[in-house]
Amino acid sequence: MHSFVYRANVLLTFALTILALMCVIASFSDNFNFPSPSAEIQIVKFNGFQKKPPGNDEVSLTMNITADLQSLFTWNTKQLFIFVAAEYETPQNSLNQVSLWDAIIPAKENAKFWIQTKNKYRFVDQGSNLRGKEFNLTLHWHVMPKTGKMFADKLVLSGFRLPEEHRRG
């Protein structure tokens, strides 16, 4: 006959093996979700476009963000981290990215939204490269699962242009 400790060890090992198997299946099931998120960002106005010491351009803007990210949620999704970034080119760098706004979406019910907001973070370029510059606004998202690996993607919205002249807000 086996001792109590031996039987407890067998039971605990079996339970942990089943739990690990369930986590692997849960993580694998996310591969069968084909999300179709949609978003639209409109710039309502440029609140300010200034040259700050020591010569850096700084932009303040108000934007409308409309998004439906509900398809990113599965039963294995804990939350979404989303952010809007301005992306543009300069002579020094082929890609500049400046985060303008971010949020955490804790549930599927909150994943369809409309918000009017000013940029939460400063839109600054090191130099005077922003006047008349074309740029993209990109909505990035990171899906944080309950178990398994994180996955990230983005939606690029193009066709935006900064003002030609500096002006105070």
N, C-alpha and C. Protein backbone atom coordinates (compact mmCIF):
# COMPACT_ATOMS: atom_id res chain seq x y z
N MET A 1 0.84 -1.18 0.00
CA MET A 1 0.00 0.00 0.00
C MET A 1 0.88 1.24 0.00
N HIS A 2 0.45 2.29 -0.71
CA HIS A 2 1.20 3.54 -0.78
C HIS A 2 0.84 4.46 0.38
N SER A 3 1.79 5.27 0.78
CA SER A 3 1.55 6.18 1.90
C SER A 3 0.70 7.38 1.47
N PHE A 4 0.20 8.09 2.46
CA PHE A 4 -0.64 9.28 2.21
C PHE A 4 0.14 10.33 1.42
N VAL A 5 1.40 10.57 1.76
CA VAL A 5 2.22 11.57 1.09
C VAL A 5 2.42 11.20 -0.38
N TYR A 6 2.66 9.92 -0.64
CA TYR A 6 2.83 9.47 -2.02
C TYR A 6 1.54 9.70 -2.83
N ARG A 7 0.40 9.37 -2.26
CA ARG A 7 -0.88 9.57 -2.95
C ARG A 7 -1.17 11.05 -3.18
N ALA A 8 -0.86 11.90 -2.19
CA ALA A 8 -1.06 13.35 -2.34
C ALA A 8 -0.16 13.89 -3.45
N ASN A 9 1.06 13.40 -3.52
CA ASN A 9 2.00 13.84 -4.55
C ASN A 9 1.48 13.46 -5.94
N VAL A 10 0.96 12.26 -6.10
CA VAL A 10 0.42 11.81 -7.38
C VAL A 10 -0.78 12.67 -7.77
N LEU A 11 -1.67 12.93 -6.82
CA LEU A 11 -2.87 13.74 -7.09
C LEU A 11 -2.48 15.17 -7.47
N LEU A 12 -1.55 15.79 -6.75
CA LEU A 12 -1.11 17.15 -7.05
C LEU A 12 -0.42 17.22 -8.41
N THR A 13 0.42 16.27 -8.72
CA THR A 13 1.10 16.23 -10.02
C THR A 13 0.08 16.10 -11.16
N PHE A 14 -0.90 15.22 -10.99
CA PHE A 14 -1.94 15.05 -12.00
C PHE A 14 -2.74 16.35 -12.18
N ALA A 15 -3.13 16.98 -11.08
CA ALA A 15 -3.91 18.23 -11.15
C ALA A 15 -3.11 19.34 -11.85
N LEU A 16 -1.85 19.48 -11.54
CA LEU A 16 -1.02 20.51 -12.19
C LEU A 16 -0.79 20.21 -13.67
N THR A 17 -0.68 18.95 -14.01
CA THR A 17 -0.53 18.57 -15.43
C THR A 17 -1.79 18.93 -16.21
N ILE A 18 -2.96 18.67 -15.65
CA ILE A 18 -4.23 19.02 -16.30
C ILE A 18 -4.35 20.54 -16.42
N LEU A 19 -3.97 21.28 -15.38
CA LEU A 19 -4.02 22.76 -15.41
C LEU A 19 -3.09 23.31 -16.50
N ALA A 20 -1.90 22.77 -16.60
CA ALA A 20 -0.96 23.20 -17.64
C ALA A 20 -1.51 22.90 -19.03
N LEU A 21 -2.10 21.73 -19.20
CA LEU A 21 -2.70 21.36 -20.48
C LEU A 21 -3.84 22.31 -20.84
N MET A 22 -4.66 22.68 -19.88
CA MET A 22 -5.75 23.62 -20.13
C MET A 22 -5.22 25.00 -20.54
N CYS A 23 -4.13 25.44 -19.92
CA CYS A 23 -3.51 26.73 -20.29
C CYS A 23 -2.98 26.69 -21.72
N VAL A 24 -2.38 25.59 -22.11
CA VAL A 24 -1.87 25.45 -23.48
C VAL A 24 -3.02 25.47 -24.47
N ILE A 25 -4.10 24.78 -24.18
CA ILE A 25 -5.27 24.76 -25.06
C ILE A 25 -5.89 26.16 -25.15
N ALA A 26 -5.98 26.85 -24.02
CA ALA A 26 -6.54 28.21 -24.02
C ALA A 26 -5.69 29.15 -24.87
N SER A 27 -4.41 29.05 -24.72
CA SER A 27 -3.50 29.89 -25.50
C SER A 27 -3.59 29.55 -26.99
N PHE A 28 -3.65 28.27 -27.31
CA PHE A 28 -3.73 27.83 -28.70
C PHE A 28 -5.04 28.26 -29.36
N SER A 29 -6.12 28.31 -28.56
CA SER A 29 -7.43 28.67 -29.13
C SER A 29 -7.45 30.10 -29.66
N ASP A 30 -6.59 30.97 -29.17
CA ASP A 30 -6.52 32.35 -29.69
C ASP A 30 -6.10 32.40 -31.15
N ASN A 31 -5.44 31.35 -31.64
CA ASN A 31 -5.02 31.32 -33.05
C ASN A 31 -6.21 31.20 -34.00
N PHE A 32 -7.37 30.83 -33.49
CA PHE A 32 -8.55 30.68 -34.33
C PHE A 32 -9.43 31.93 -34.33
N ASN A 33 -9.01 32.97 -33.63
CA ASN A 33 -9.73 34.24 -33.63
C ASN A 33 -9.14 35.13 -34.71
N PHE A 34 -9.98 35.60 -35.62
CA PHE A 34 -9.55 36.49 -36.69
C PHE A 34 -10.24 37.83 -36.51
N PRO A 35 -9.64 38.71 -35.70
CA PRO A 35 -10.29 39.98 -35.37
C PRO A 35 -10.36 40.92 -36.57
N SER A 36 -11.35 41.80 -36.53
CA SER A 36 -11.49 42.82 -37.57
C SER A 36 -11.78 44.17 -36.91
N PRO A 37 -10.79 44.72 -36.20
CA PRO A 37 -11.01 45.99 -35.53
C PRO A 37 -11.12 47.14 -36.54
N SER A 38 -11.83 48.17 -36.16
CA SER A 38 -11.95 49.35 -37.02
C SER A 38 -11.75 50.59 -36.17
N ALA A 39 -11.21 51.63 -36.80
CA ALA A 39 -10.98 52.88 -36.08
C ALA A 39 -10.92 54.03 -37.08
N GLU A 40 -11.26 55.19 -36.57
CA GLU A 40 -11.17 56.43 -37.34
C GLU A 40 -10.70 57.51 -36.39
N ILE A 41 -9.75 58.30 -36.86
CA ILE A 41 -9.25 59.42 -36.06
C ILE A 41 -9.36 60.67 -36.91
N GLN A 42 -9.97 61.70 -36.34
CA GLN A 42 -10.08 62.99 -37.02
C GLN A 42 -9.39 64.04 -36.15
N ILE A 43 -8.65 64.91 -36.80
CA ILE A 43 -8.08 66.04 -36.07
C ILE A 43 -9.10 67.16 -36.12
N VAL A 44 -9.61 67.54 -34.95
CA VAL A 44 -10.62 68.59 -34.85
C VAL A 44 -9.96 69.95 -35.06
N LYS A 45 -8.83 70.17 -34.37
CA LYS A 45 -8.10 71.43 -34.56
C LYS A 45 -6.70 71.32 -33.98
N PHE A 46 -5.85 72.19 -34.48
CA PHE A 46 -4.51 72.34 -33.93
C PHE A 46 -4.59 73.45 -32.90
N ASN A 47 -4.43 73.10 -31.63
CA ASN A 47 -4.54 74.07 -30.55
C ASN A 47 -3.33 74.99 -30.48
N GLY A 48 -2.21 74.50 -30.90
CA GLY A 48 -0.99 75.30 -30.89
C GLY A 48 0.09 74.60 -31.68
N PHE A 49 0.94 75.41 -32.29
CA PHE A 49 2.08 74.88 -33.04
C PHE A 49 3.20 75.89 -32.83
N GLN A 50 4.13 75.56 -31.93
CA GLN A 50 5.12 76.53 -31.48
C GLN A 50 6.53 76.01 -31.66
N LYS A 51 7.44 76.97 -31.69
CA LYS A 51 8.86 76.66 -31.66
C LYS A 51 9.32 76.93 -30.23
N LYS A 52 9.71 75.87 -29.53
CA LYS A 52 10.14 75.97 -28.14
C LYS A 52 11.66 76.02 -28.08
N PRO A 53 12.20 76.69 -27.07
CA PRO A 53 13.66 76.66 -26.90
C PRO A 53 14.11 75.24 -26.65
N PRO A 54 15.15 74.78 -27.17
CA PRO A 54 16.16 75.40 -28.03
C PRO A 54 15.88 75.22 -29.52
N GLY A 55 14.68 75.48 -29.98
CA GLY A 55 14.36 75.39 -31.40
C GLY A 55 13.56 74.17 -31.79
N ASN A 56 12.96 73.48 -30.82
CA ASN A 56 12.17 72.29 -31.12
C ASN A 56 10.71 72.67 -31.42
N ASP A 57 10.14 72.03 -32.42
CA ASP A 57 8.73 72.23 -32.75
C ASP A 57 7.87 71.43 -31.76
N GLU A 58 6.76 72.05 -31.29
CA GLU A 58 5.82 71.36 -30.42
C GLU A 58 4.40 71.62 -30.91
N VAL A 59 3.61 70.54 -30.99
CA VAL A 59 2.24 70.61 -31.51
C VAL A 59 1.27 70.18 -30.41
N SER A 60 0.18 70.93 -30.30
CA SER A 60 -0.93 70.54 -29.43
C SER A 60 -2.16 70.43 -30.33
N LEU A 61 -2.87 69.32 -30.22
CA LEU A 61 -4.03 69.12 -31.09
C LEU A 61 -5.17 68.45 -30.35
N THR A 62 -6.37 68.62 -30.90
CA THR A 62 -7.57 67.95 -30.40
C THR A 62 -8.02 66.97 -31.47
N MET A 63 -8.34 65.75 -31.04
CA MET A 63 -8.74 64.72 -32.02
C MET A 63 -9.95 63.96 -31.52
N ASN A 64 -10.73 63.48 -32.48
CA ASN A 64 -11.83 62.55 -32.23
C ASN A 64 -11.35 61.15 -32.57
N ILE A 65 -11.48 60.25 -31.62
CA ILE A 65 -11.09 58.86 -31.84
C ILE A 65 -12.35 57.99 -31.74
N THR A 66 -12.67 57.30 -32.82
CA THR A 66 -13.79 56.37 -32.85
C THR A 66 -13.21 54.99 -33.15
N ALA A 67 -13.54 54.01 -32.31
CA ALA A 67 -12.97 52.68 -32.53
C ALA A 67 -13.94 51.60 -32.09
N ASP A 68 -13.90 50.49 -32.80
CA ASP A 68 -14.61 49.28 -32.42
C ASP A 68 -13.58 48.16 -32.36
N LEU A 69 -13.12 47.86 -31.16
CA LEU A 69 -12.08 46.85 -30.95
C LEU A 69 -12.64 45.60 -30.28
N GLN A 70 -13.95 45.44 -30.29
CA GLN A 70 -14.58 44.31 -29.61
C GLN A 70 -14.15 42.96 -30.16
N SER A 71 -13.83 42.91 -31.45
CA SER A 71 -13.43 41.63 -32.04
C SER A 71 -12.07 41.15 -31.53
N LEU A 72 -11.31 42.02 -30.85
CA LEU A 72 -10.02 41.61 -30.29
C LEU A 72 -10.20 40.81 -28.99
N PHE A 73 -11.38 40.90 -28.40
CA PHE A 73 -11.63 40.20 -27.15
C PHE A 73 -12.10 38.77 -27.41
N THR A 74 -11.49 37.83 -26.70
CA THR A 74 -11.93 36.45 -26.67
C THR A 74 -12.12 36.09 -25.19
N TRP A 75 -12.48 34.88 -24.92
CA TRP A 75 -12.64 34.47 -23.53
C TRP A 75 -11.30 34.44 -22.80
N ASN A 76 -10.18 34.48 -23.55
CA ASN A 76 -8.85 34.44 -22.97
C ASN A 76 -8.23 35.84 -22.85
N THR A 77 -8.93 36.90 -23.20
CA THR A 77 -8.38 38.25 -23.18
C THR A 77 -8.60 38.88 -21.80
N LYS A 78 -7.52 39.35 -21.23
CA LYS A 78 -7.62 40.04 -19.93
C LYS A 78 -7.93 41.51 -20.14
N GLN A 79 -7.15 42.17 -21.02
CA GLN A 79 -7.35 43.59 -21.30
C GLN A 79 -6.59 43.97 -22.56
N LEU A 80 -6.88 45.18 -23.07
CA LEU A 80 -6.18 45.74 -24.21
C LEU A 80 -5.45 47.00 -23.76
N PHE A 81 -4.24 47.17 -24.24
CA PHE A 81 -3.54 48.44 -24.08
C PHE A 81 -3.50 49.06 -25.47
N ILE A 82 -4.03 50.27 -25.60
CA ILE A 82 -4.07 50.93 -26.91
C ILE A 82 -3.38 52.29 -26.81
N PHE A 83 -2.79 52.71 -27.92
CA PHE A 83 -2.23 54.05 -27.96
C PHE A 83 -2.23 54.58 -29.39
N VAL A 84 -2.31 55.91 -29.49
CA VAL A 84 -2.25 56.59 -30.78
C VAL A 84 -0.88 57.24 -30.89
N ALA A 85 -0.21 56.99 -32.01
CA ALA A 85 1.11 57.56 -32.24
C ALA A 85 1.10 58.34 -33.55
N ALA A 86 1.80 59.46 -33.55
CA ALA A 86 2.04 60.21 -34.78
C ALA A 86 3.34 59.66 -35.37
N GLU A 87 3.33 59.37 -36.66
CA GLU A 87 4.51 58.81 -37.33
C GLU A 87 4.83 59.67 -38.54
N TYR A 88 6.10 60.06 -38.67
CA TYR A 88 6.52 60.92 -39.76
C TYR A 88 8.00 60.71 -40.04
N GLU A 89 8.44 61.24 -41.18
CA GLU A 89 9.84 61.14 -41.58
C GLU A 89 10.52 62.49 -41.45
N THR A 90 11.82 62.46 -41.14
CA THR A 90 12.66 63.66 -41.15
C THR A 90 13.95 63.32 -41.88
N PRO A 91 14.73 64.33 -42.23
CA PRO A 91 16.02 64.03 -42.88
C PRO A 91 16.95 63.17 -42.02
N GLN A 92 16.83 63.30 -40.69
CA GLN A 92 17.71 62.54 -39.79
C GLN A 92 17.22 61.10 -39.57
N ASN A 93 15.88 60.89 -39.59
CA ASN A 93 15.32 59.58 -39.27
C ASN A 93 14.23 59.21 -40.27
N SER A 94 14.26 57.96 -40.72
CA SER A 94 13.23 57.52 -41.66
C SER A 94 11.89 57.29 -40.97
N LEU A 95 11.91 57.04 -39.67
CA LEU A 95 10.66 56.86 -38.93
C LEU A 95 10.78 57.50 -37.55
N ASN A 96 9.91 58.46 -37.29
CA ASN A 96 9.77 59.07 -35.98
C ASN A 96 8.40 58.70 -35.45
N GLN A 97 8.33 58.28 -34.21
CA GLN A 97 7.05 57.94 -33.60
C GLN A 97 6.92 58.69 -32.29
N VAL A 98 5.78 59.38 -32.14
CA VAL A 98 5.50 60.12 -30.92
C VAL A 98 4.14 59.66 -30.40
N SER A 99 4.13 59.13 -29.19
CA SER A 99 2.87 58.70 -28.58
C SER A 99 2.07 59.93 -28.17
N LEU A 100 0.80 59.98 -28.58
CA LEU A 100 -0.05 61.13 -28.29
C LEU A 100 -1.09 60.83 -27.21
N TRP A 101 -1.59 59.62 -27.16
CA TRP A 101 -2.68 59.26 -26.25
C TRP A 101 -2.66 57.77 -26.02
N ASP A 102 -3.07 57.32 -24.83
CA ASP A 102 -3.16 55.89 -24.56
C ASP A 102 -4.29 55.59 -23.59
N ALA A 103 -4.66 54.33 -23.53
CA ALA A 103 -5.72 53.88 -22.63
C ALA A 103 -5.61 52.38 -22.43
N ILE A 104 -6.20 51.91 -21.33
CA ILE A 104 -6.34 50.48 -21.07
C ILE A 104 -7.83 50.17 -21.14
N ILE A 105 -8.17 49.16 -21.92
CA ILE A 105 -9.56 48.74 -22.07
C ILE A 105 -9.70 47.42 -21.32
N PRO A 106 -10.42 47.42 -20.19
CA PRO A 106 -10.48 46.23 -19.35
C PRO A 106 -11.50 45.18 -19.76
N ALA A 107 -12.49 45.56 -20.60
CA ALA A 107 -13.55 44.61 -20.93
C ALA A 107 -14.09 44.87 -22.33
N LYS A 108 -14.72 43.86 -22.90
CA LYS A 108 -15.28 43.96 -24.25
C LYS A 108 -16.33 45.06 -24.34
N GLU A 109 -17.07 45.28 -23.28
CA GLU A 109 -18.11 46.31 -23.27
C GLU A 109 -17.54 47.71 -23.47
N ASN A 110 -16.28 47.91 -23.08
CA ASN A 110 -15.63 49.21 -23.21
C ASN A 110 -14.84 49.36 -24.51
N ALA A 111 -14.85 48.34 -25.35
CA ALA A 111 -13.99 48.32 -26.53
C ALA A 111 -14.60 49.01 -27.75
N LYS A 112 -15.82 49.51 -27.63
CA LYS A 112 -16.43 50.29 -28.70
C LYS A 112 -16.66 51.68 -28.11
N PHE A 113 -15.94 52.68 -28.64
CA PHE A 113 -15.98 53.98 -27.99
C PHE A 113 -15.77 55.12 -28.98
N TRP A 114 -16.12 56.31 -28.52
CA TRP A 114 -15.84 57.57 -29.19
C TRP A 114 -15.36 58.51 -28.11
N ILE A 115 -14.26 59.21 -28.38
CA ILE A 115 -13.72 60.15 -27.41
C ILE A 115 -13.14 61.34 -28.15
N GLN A 116 -13.36 62.53 -27.59
CA GLN A 116 -12.68 63.73 -28.09
C GLN A 116 -11.66 64.10 -27.03
N THR A 117 -10.41 64.21 -27.43
CA THR A 117 -9.34 64.42 -26.47
C THR A 117 -8.21 65.25 -27.07
N LYS A 118 -7.49 65.92 -26.19
CA LYS A 118 -6.24 66.58 -26.60
C LYS A 118 -5.13 65.54 -26.46
N ASN A 119 -4.01 65.80 -27.15
CA ASN A 119 -2.92 64.85 -27.00
C ASN A 119 -2.47 64.85 -25.53
N LYS A 120 -2.40 63.65 -24.97
CA LYS A 120 -2.05 63.43 -23.57
C LYS A 120 -0.56 63.66 -23.35
N TYR A 121 0.24 63.37 -24.36
CA TYR A 121 1.69 63.51 -24.29
C TYR A 121 2.15 64.54 -25.32
N ARG A 122 3.24 65.21 -25.03
CA ARG A 122 3.73 66.28 -25.89
C ARG A 122 4.17 65.74 -27.26
N PHE A 123 3.75 66.40 -28.30
CA PHE A 123 4.14 66.08 -29.68
C PHE A 123 5.28 67.03 -30.01
N VAL A 124 6.51 66.59 -29.79
CA VAL A 124 7.69 67.43 -29.95
C VAL A 124 8.65 66.77 -30.93
N ASP A 125 9.20 67.58 -31.83
CA ASP A 125 10.26 67.11 -32.72
C ASP A 125 11.54 67.82 -32.35
N GLN A 126 12.64 67.11 -32.30
CA GLN A 126 13.92 67.72 -31.98
C GLN A 126 14.46 68.41 -33.23
N GLY A 127 14.09 69.65 -33.36
CA GLY A 127 14.47 70.45 -34.52
C GLY A 127 13.23 71.14 -35.07
N SER A 128 13.39 71.78 -36.19
CA SER A 128 12.27 72.51 -36.82
C SER A 128 11.82 71.77 -38.06
N ASN A 129 11.42 70.53 -37.88
CA ASN A 129 11.08 69.68 -39.02
C ASN A 129 9.59 69.47 -39.23
N LEU A 130 8.74 70.05 -38.40
CA LEU A 130 7.33 69.71 -38.45
C LEU A 130 6.49 70.63 -39.33
N ARG A 131 6.96 71.80 -39.68
CA ARG A 131 6.13 72.73 -40.46
C ARG A 131 5.75 72.12 -41.80
N GLY A 132 4.43 72.00 -42.05
CA GLY A 132 3.92 71.46 -43.30
C GLY A 132 4.16 69.98 -43.50
N LYS A 133 4.57 69.30 -42.46
CA LYS A 133 4.94 67.88 -42.55
C LYS A 133 3.71 66.99 -42.64
N GLU A 134 3.74 66.04 -43.57
CA GLU A 134 2.71 65.00 -43.62
C GLU A 134 3.02 63.95 -42.57
N PHE A 135 1.97 63.42 -41.93
CA PHE A 135 2.18 62.40 -40.92
C PHE A 135 0.99 61.44 -40.87
N ASN A 136 1.24 60.29 -40.29
CA ASN A 136 0.19 59.28 -40.08
C ASN A 136 -0.16 59.25 -38.61
N LEU A 137 -1.41 58.97 -38.32
CA LEU A 137 -1.82 58.65 -36.96
C LEU A 137 -2.07 57.14 -36.94
N THR A 138 -1.40 56.45 -36.04
CA THR A 138 -1.47 55.00 -36.00
C THR A 138 -2.03 54.56 -34.66
N LEU A 139 -3.08 53.76 -34.72
CA LEU A 139 -3.66 53.18 -33.51
C LEU A 139 -3.00 51.82 -33.29
N HIS A 140 -2.25 51.71 -32.21
CA HIS A 140 -1.58 50.46 -31.85
C HIS A 140 -2.38 49.79 -30.74
N TRP A 141 -2.40 48.44 -30.73
CA TRP A 141 -3.02 47.74 -29.62
C TRP A 141 -2.19 46.52 -29.25
N HIS A 142 -2.20 46.24 -27.96
CA HIS A 142 -1.54 45.06 -27.40
C HIS A 142 -2.62 44.27 -26.66
N VAL A 143 -2.85 43.04 -27.10
CA VAL A 143 -3.83 42.17 -26.47
C VAL A 143 -3.10 41.40 -25.36
N MET A 144 -3.56 41.60 -24.13
CA MET A 144 -2.96 40.93 -22.98
C MET A 144 -3.86 39.77 -22.57
N PRO A 145 -3.42 38.54 -22.82
CA PRO A 145 -4.27 37.37 -22.51
C PRO A 145 -4.18 36.97 -21.03
N LYS A 146 -5.12 36.17 -20.62
CA LYS A 146 -5.07 35.59 -19.27
C LYS A 146 -3.95 34.56 -19.20
N THR A 147 -3.77 33.83 -20.30
CA THR A 147 -2.67 32.87 -20.39
C THR A 147 -2.17 32.86 -21.83
N GLY A 148 -0.87 32.67 -22.01
CA GLY A 148 -0.30 32.65 -23.36
C GLY A 148 0.45 33.93 -23.67
N LYS A 149 0.83 34.06 -24.93
CA LYS A 149 1.66 35.19 -25.34
C LYS A 149 0.82 36.40 -25.73
N MET A 150 1.41 37.59 -25.50
CA MET A 150 0.77 38.83 -25.92
C MET A 150 0.87 38.95 -27.42
N PHE A 151 -0.10 39.64 -28.00
CA PHE A 151 0.00 39.89 -29.43
C PHE A 151 -0.33 41.35 -29.67
N ALA A 152 0.35 41.95 -30.65
CA ALA A 152 0.20 43.37 -30.94
C ALA A 152 -0.03 43.57 -32.43
N ASP A 153 -0.75 44.63 -32.76
CA ASP A 153 -1.00 44.99 -34.14
C ASP A 153 -1.31 46.47 -34.19
N LYS A 154 -1.57 46.98 -35.38
CA LYS A 154 -1.83 48.41 -35.51
C LYS A 154 -2.69 48.67 -36.73
N LEU A 155 -3.26 49.87 -36.75
CA LEU A 155 -4.05 50.35 -37.87
C LEU A 155 -3.52 51.74 -38.22
N VAL A 156 -2.98 51.88 -39.43
CA VAL A 156 -2.36 53.14 -39.86
C VAL A 156 -3.40 53.98 -40.59
N LEU A 157 -3.55 55.21 -40.14
CA LEU A 157 -4.47 56.17 -40.76
C LEU A 157 -3.63 57.31 -41.32
N SER A 158 -3.63 57.47 -42.62
CA SER A 158 -2.75 58.45 -43.26
C SER A 158 -3.53 59.66 -43.76
N GLY A 159 -2.78 60.63 -44.27
CA GLY A 159 -3.41 61.80 -44.89
C GLY A 159 -3.50 63.01 -43.99
N PHE A 160 -2.67 63.10 -42.98
CA PHE A 160 -2.69 64.26 -42.09
C PHE A 160 -1.50 65.16 -42.41
N ARG A 161 -1.70 66.47 -42.22
CA ARG A 161 -0.63 67.44 -42.50
C ARG A 161 -0.64 68.50 -41.41
N LEU A 162 0.57 68.84 -40.96
CA LEU A 162 0.72 69.91 -39.96
C LEU A 162 0.67 71.27 -40.63
N PRO A 163 0.33 72.32 -39.88
CA PRO A 163 0.30 73.67 -40.47
C PRO A 163 1.67 74.11 -40.98
N GLU A 164 1.64 75.04 -41.92
CA GLU A 164 2.88 75.56 -42.51
C GLU A 164 3.59 76.55 -41.60
N GLU A 165 2.85 77.23 -40.74
CA GLU A 165 3.42 78.28 -39.89
C GLU A 165 3.17 77.98 -38.41
N HIS A 166 4.10 78.44 -37.57
CA HIS A 166 3.91 78.34 -36.13
C HIS A 166 2.79 79.30 -35.70
N ARG A 167 2.03 78.89 -34.69
CA ARG A 167 1.00 79.76 -34.13
C ARG A 167 0.72 79.34 -32.70
N ARG A 168 0.39 80.30 -31.90
CA ARG A 168 0.08 80.05 -30.50
C ARG A 168 -1.34 79.52 -30.37
N GLY A 169 -1.55 78.68 -29.34
CA GLY A 169 -2.87 78.12 -29.11
C GLY A 169 -3.73 78.97 -28.22
